[in-house]
Amino acid sequence: MEIIHQIEKAKLGDQIAFTFLLDYYWNEVYGFMLKRTENETTAEDITIETFSKAFDKLSSYNPEFQFNTWLIAIAKNVHIDLLRKKRTNLFIEITDEEDQQAYNIADTTPSAEDELITEQNLSQLLQFIKELKPIYQEVIQLRYFQELSYQEIADKTGDPLPNVKVRLLRAKKLLAAIIQGKSTK
């Protein structure tokens, strides 16, 4: 009964309910994906994506089914999508001429123009990150620039692990919205 109550609160946008659901079901979804992928990082990424999709589509959840079953179904679909992406990237058909052209490329170091474009893109990304609240800037910086694990971030900030995961999920969504908003202008 508590779970149904938390789901209803989350549907109304209650952040504490989202955190409760993430914390309550995290180990089950993560454990399931870890068995399937046999890779901690991949399992963690799929689990985060699963909760992101679930929370975005929470209004479509049918309470006739168990919530954990719904989450596992989403996780399976996220995993299948990931495998499809990898498969299509691995088996791109190329002609012999394209293969020869690729073989003939002698210098793979980036040109001055490539370096400038990369530097400008990074600068623009940092500007977008600065538009986030400091609490979100911090988790983005720790995860993607210092490359800390979720647990290391939790240890460094003194926050519980589920809170770090939710905060990073929100930070990524807010950052995507900022970037999307700037690109449409």
Foldseek 3Di string as FASTA:
>chain_A
DVLVVLLVVLVVVPVVSLLVVCVVQVCVQLVVVCVVPVDNVVSVVLSLVLSLVCSVCSVVDDVVDDPNVVSNVSSVVSVVVVVVVVVCVVDPDDDPVVVVVVVPDDDPDDDPVRVVVVVVVVVVLVVLLVVDDPVLSVLCCCCPVVVDDLVVSCVVVVHDSSVSSVSPSVSVVSSVVSVVVVVVD
